[in-house]
Amino acid sequence: MFDGGGVRSTGVLMLLATALGVADSLLPRPIPFIKLGLANIPAVISAARLGMRPTLALNTARSLAVALITGSLATPAFAMSMAGAVASALVMGAASRAYPGFFSMTGVSICGACASMLGQLAVASAVLPGLPVRMLALPVSLWAVVSGAVVGLAAGLLADRLERFNILSR
């Protein structure tokens, strides 16, 4: 549960998500459209602590804010980002609430990363009709598991730090 009705905590998570999203967009990518997903760290915390609705709001607002800052609003990359943001929020929120105590933050993050990648792949296949979706599904899913695990571990560490500074409370 967040302190003070969650307003301060949600604001901090939104600022962190936006800053991390902009930073993630600046990092070099060995493969186009593949990135670590640092902006999802606050979303994992939100999903684990608040549930689906606040995480959906956080992810969509972050996706829009990053697109406005980076100038990618009217691009296929924004559509892919928004699809991934919505899919991951829905799946992370459902996983953390449907099976409380079963999924750690890392597990919730991996579920969200897989949903995000599949959502992005669906939009990419609609935008690029010749895209070899079947060939991309396995490597994209493997990347989702790896990046989801890294993001989940980072989310657990960040949540602990935010609790120490009374920004989050258990």
Protein backbone atom coordinates (compact mmCIF):
# COMPACT_ATOMS: atom_id res chain seq x y z
CA MET A 1 0.00 0.00 0.00
CA PHE A 2 1.29 3.47 -0.80
CA ASP A 3 1.40 6.25 1.76
CA GLY A 4 -0.76 9.37 1.64
CA GLY A 5 -3.32 7.79 -0.70
CA GLY A 6 -0.56 7.03 -3.16
CA VAL A 7 -0.40 10.48 -4.76
CA ARG A 8 3.22 11.22 -3.83
CA SER A 9 4.37 7.67 -4.52
CA THR A 10 2.58 7.50 -7.85
CA GLY A 11 4.08 10.86 -8.86
CA VAL A 12 7.56 9.68 -7.97
CA LEU A 13 7.07 6.43 -9.89
CA MET A 14 5.78 8.39 -12.92
CA LEU A 15 8.80 10.73 -12.88
CA LEU A 16 11.17 7.79 -12.53
CA ALA A 17 9.46 5.88 -15.33
CA THR A 18 9.65 8.87 -17.66
CA ALA A 19 13.29 9.62 -16.84
CA LEU A 20 14.25 5.96 -17.26
CA GLY A 21 12.28 5.77 -20.52
CA VAL A 22 14.11 8.75 -21.97
CA ALA A 23 17.45 7.35 -20.78
CA ASP A 24 16.62 3.94 -22.27
CA SER A 25 15.80 5.58 -25.62
CA LEU A 26 19.27 7.14 -25.68
CA LEU A 27 21.16 3.89 -25.11
CA PRO A 28 22.57 2.19 -28.22
CA ARG A 29 20.71 -0.90 -29.42
CA PRO A 30 22.47 -3.78 -31.12
CA ILE A 31 19.15 -4.80 -32.71
CA PRO A 32 16.47 -2.25 -33.70
CA PHE A 33 13.55 -1.94 -31.27
CA ILE A 34 15.23 -4.18 -28.69
CA LYS A 35 16.01 -2.39 -25.45
CA LEU A 36 16.34 -3.31 -21.82
CA GLY A 37 13.11 -1.64 -20.73
CA LEU A 38 14.38 0.38 -17.79
CA ALA A 39 11.16 2.43 -17.77
CA ASN A 40 9.35 -0.69 -16.62
CA ILE A 41 11.11 -0.73 -13.24
CA PRO A 42 8.58 1.66 -11.64
CA ALA A 43 5.73 -0.14 -13.41
CA VAL A 44 6.72 -3.45 -11.83
CA ILE A 45 6.68 -1.79 -8.41
CA SER A 46 3.27 -0.32 -9.17
CA ALA A 47 1.88 -3.65 -10.36
CA ALA A 48 3.17 -5.48 -7.30
CA ARG A 49 1.92 -2.84 -4.87
CA LEU A 50 -1.10 -1.16 -6.47
CA GLY A 51 -2.48 -3.47 -9.12
CA MET A 52 -3.63 -3.18 -12.67
CA ARG A 53 -5.41 0.19 -12.93
CA PRO A 54 -2.66 2.39 -11.47
CA THR A 55 -0.07 0.48 -13.49
CA LEU A 56 -2.07 0.92 -16.67
CA ALA A 57 -2.30 4.67 -15.99
CA LEU A 58 1.43 4.82 -15.18
CA ASN A 59 2.47 2.91 -18.31
CA THR A 60 0.25 4.80 -20.75
CA ALA A 61 1.21 8.19 -19.31
CA ARG A 62 4.90 7.25 -19.36
CA SER A 63 4.70 6.01 -22.93
CA LEU A 64 3.05 9.25 -24.01
CA ALA A 65 5.48 11.44 -22.04
CA VAL A 66 8.55 9.68 -23.44
CA ALA A 67 7.15 9.95 -26.98
CA LEU A 68 6.58 13.67 -26.52
CA ILE A 69 10.07 14.21 -25.12
CA THR A 70 11.84 12.09 -27.75
CA GLY A 71 9.72 13.27 -30.67
CA SER A 72 8.39 9.83 -31.55
CA LEU A 73 4.68 10.52 -31.01
CA ALA A 74 3.54 10.16 -34.64
CA THR A 75 5.62 7.09 -35.42
CA PRO A 76 5.15 3.32 -35.49
CA ALA A 77 7.55 3.16 -32.54
CA PHE A 78 5.00 5.02 -30.41
CA ALA A 79 2.23 2.62 -31.41
CA MET A 80 4.49 -0.30 -30.51
CA SER A 81 5.45 1.34 -27.22
CA MET A 82 1.82 1.96 -26.27
CA ALA A 83 0.82 -1.61 -27.19
CA GLY A 84 3.63 -2.96 -25.05
CA ALA A 85 2.78 -0.60 -22.18
CA VAL A 86 -0.89 -1.61 -22.13
CA ALA A 87 -0.20 -5.33 -22.54
CA SER A 88 2.44 -5.39 -19.80
CA ALA A 89 0.31 -3.40 -17.36
CA LEU A 90 -2.66 -5.71 -17.84
CA VAL A 91 -0.62 -8.88 -17.47
CA MET A 92 1.53 -7.65 -14.55
CA GLY A 93 -1.54 -6.38 -12.70
CA ALA A 94 -3.39 -9.65 -13.27
CA ALA A 95 -0.41 -11.80 -12.29
CA SER A 96 0.29 -9.90 -9.08
CA ARG A 97 -3.36 -9.92 -7.97
CA ALA A 98 -4.56 -13.31 -9.24
CA TYR A 99 -1.71 -15.15 -7.54
CA PRO A 100 -0.68 -13.04 -4.53
CA GLY A 101 2.54 -14.30 -3.00
CA PHE A 102 3.17 -16.66 -5.91
CA PHE A 103 4.99 -14.22 -8.18
CA SER A 104 7.94 -12.20 -6.93
CA MET A 105 8.63 -8.80 -8.49
CA THR A 106 10.94 -10.62 -10.88
CA GLY A 107 8.18 -13.05 -11.86
CA VAL A 108 5.71 -10.21 -12.36
CA SER A 109 8.31 -8.39 -14.46
CA ILE A 110 8.99 -11.40 -16.68
CA CYS A 111 5.25 -11.83 -17.29
CA GLY A 112 4.98 -8.15 -18.19
CA ALA A 113 8.04 -8.22 -20.44
CA CYS A 114 6.69 -11.18 -22.40
CA ALA A 115 3.30 -9.49 -22.79
CA SER A 116 5.00 -6.24 -23.86
CA MET A 117 7.13 -7.94 -26.48
CA LEU A 118 4.18 -9.85 -27.90
CA GLY A 119 2.06 -6.67 -27.98
CA GLN A 120 4.83 -4.82 -29.76
CA LEU A 121 5.33 -7.69 -32.19
CA ALA A 122 1.59 -7.68 -32.99
CA VAL A 123 1.65 -3.96 -33.81
CA ALA A 124 4.89 -4.32 -35.79
CA SER A 125 3.34 -7.11 -37.87
CA ALA A 126 0.32 -4.89 -38.62
CA VAL A 127 2.56 -1.97 -39.64
CA LEU A 128 4.98 -4.17 -41.59
CA PRO A 129 2.83 -6.90 -43.23
CA GLY A 130 5.84 -8.91 -44.47
CA LEU A 131 7.40 -9.17 -41.00
CA PRO A 132 8.43 -12.78 -40.25
CA VAL A 133 6.52 -13.00 -36.94
CA ARG A 134 7.03 -16.74 -36.46
CA MET A 135 10.78 -16.37 -36.91
CA LEU A 136 10.94 -13.44 -34.47
CA ALA A 137 8.67 -14.87 -31.75
CA LEU A 138 11.28 -17.11 -30.07
CA PRO A 139 14.21 -14.65 -29.93
CA VAL A 140 11.88 -11.85 -28.84
CA SER A 141 10.44 -14.06 -26.09
CA LEU A 142 13.89 -15.09 -24.90
CA TRP A 143 14.94 -11.45 -24.74
CA ALA A 144 11.75 -10.69 -22.78
CA VAL A 145 12.66 -13.28 -20.16
CA VAL A 146 16.21 -11.93 -19.78
CA SER A 147 15.23 -8.26 -19.72
CA GLY A 148 12.22 -9.00 -17.50
CA ALA A 149 14.47 -10.71 -14.97
CA VAL A 150 16.93 -7.79 -14.91
CA VAL A 151 14.12 -5.23 -14.61
CA GLY A 152 12.41 -7.28 -11.88
CA LEU A 153 15.57 -7.52 -9.80
CA ALA A 154 16.13 -3.78 -10.20
CA ALA A 155 12.50 -3.11 -9.21
CA GLY A 156 12.95 -5.08 -5.99
CA LEU A 157 16.08 -3.10 -5.12
CA LEU A 158 14.44 0.22 -5.97
CA ALA A 159 11.32 -0.60 -3.96
CA ASP A 160 13.51 -1.31 -0.92
CA ARG A 161 15.30 2.04 -1.35
CA LEU A 162 12.05 3.96 -1.77
CA GLU A 163 10.69 2.35 1.39
CA ARG A 164 13.79 3.42 3.34
CA PHE A 165 13.14 7.04 2.31
CA ASN A 166 9.43 6.69 3.19
CA ILE A 167 8.36 7.22 -0.40
CA LEU A 168 6.78 3.77 -0.41
CA SER A 169 5.39 1.93 2.56
CA ARG A 170 4.49 -1.71 2.93
